[in-house]
Amino acid sequence: QLHVAESGGGSVQFGGSLRLLCSASTLTLDMYAIGWFRQAPGKEREAVSCISSSGSSTTYADSVKGRFTVSRDNAKNTVYLQMNSLKPEDTAIYYCAAKLSLLYGSNWVSLDDEYDYWGQGTQVTVSS
């Protein structure tokens, strides 16, 4: 079974940057699409971004377009979420999630909540 884990969270000021990492410790990620989601206190979980297993396709929520960039290095078994121009409303627990995309193709991406394997999350706090 795939196990993924997030790292790189922390506290930054308005306008700052953070880079989150999603790593796998059991299986390789190169056959999995990876989604990033977040959940703020008192709010429902929302999708942030997704990258296909090949890395050639990405998609973003409107709220982060132009500020966040998702990428992956399959040789390092790691997916990255570069977050720039952070705002207080970006404060949340960020989760990465994986979905085996063999049946959907290596360019499959989705912001729907249909991923199979989830990490424990990493806290991101942005102060004004």
Foldseek 3Di string as FASTA:
>chain_A
DWAKAKDFADEEEAQAKIKMKIAIDPDFQLQKKKWKWWDDPPGDIFTAKIAFSPRPEMDGDPVQPPFWDWGDDSVRSMIMIIGGRDDQVVWTWMKMFIARCPVPDRGDIDRDPPGDYIYPTDTHGYHD
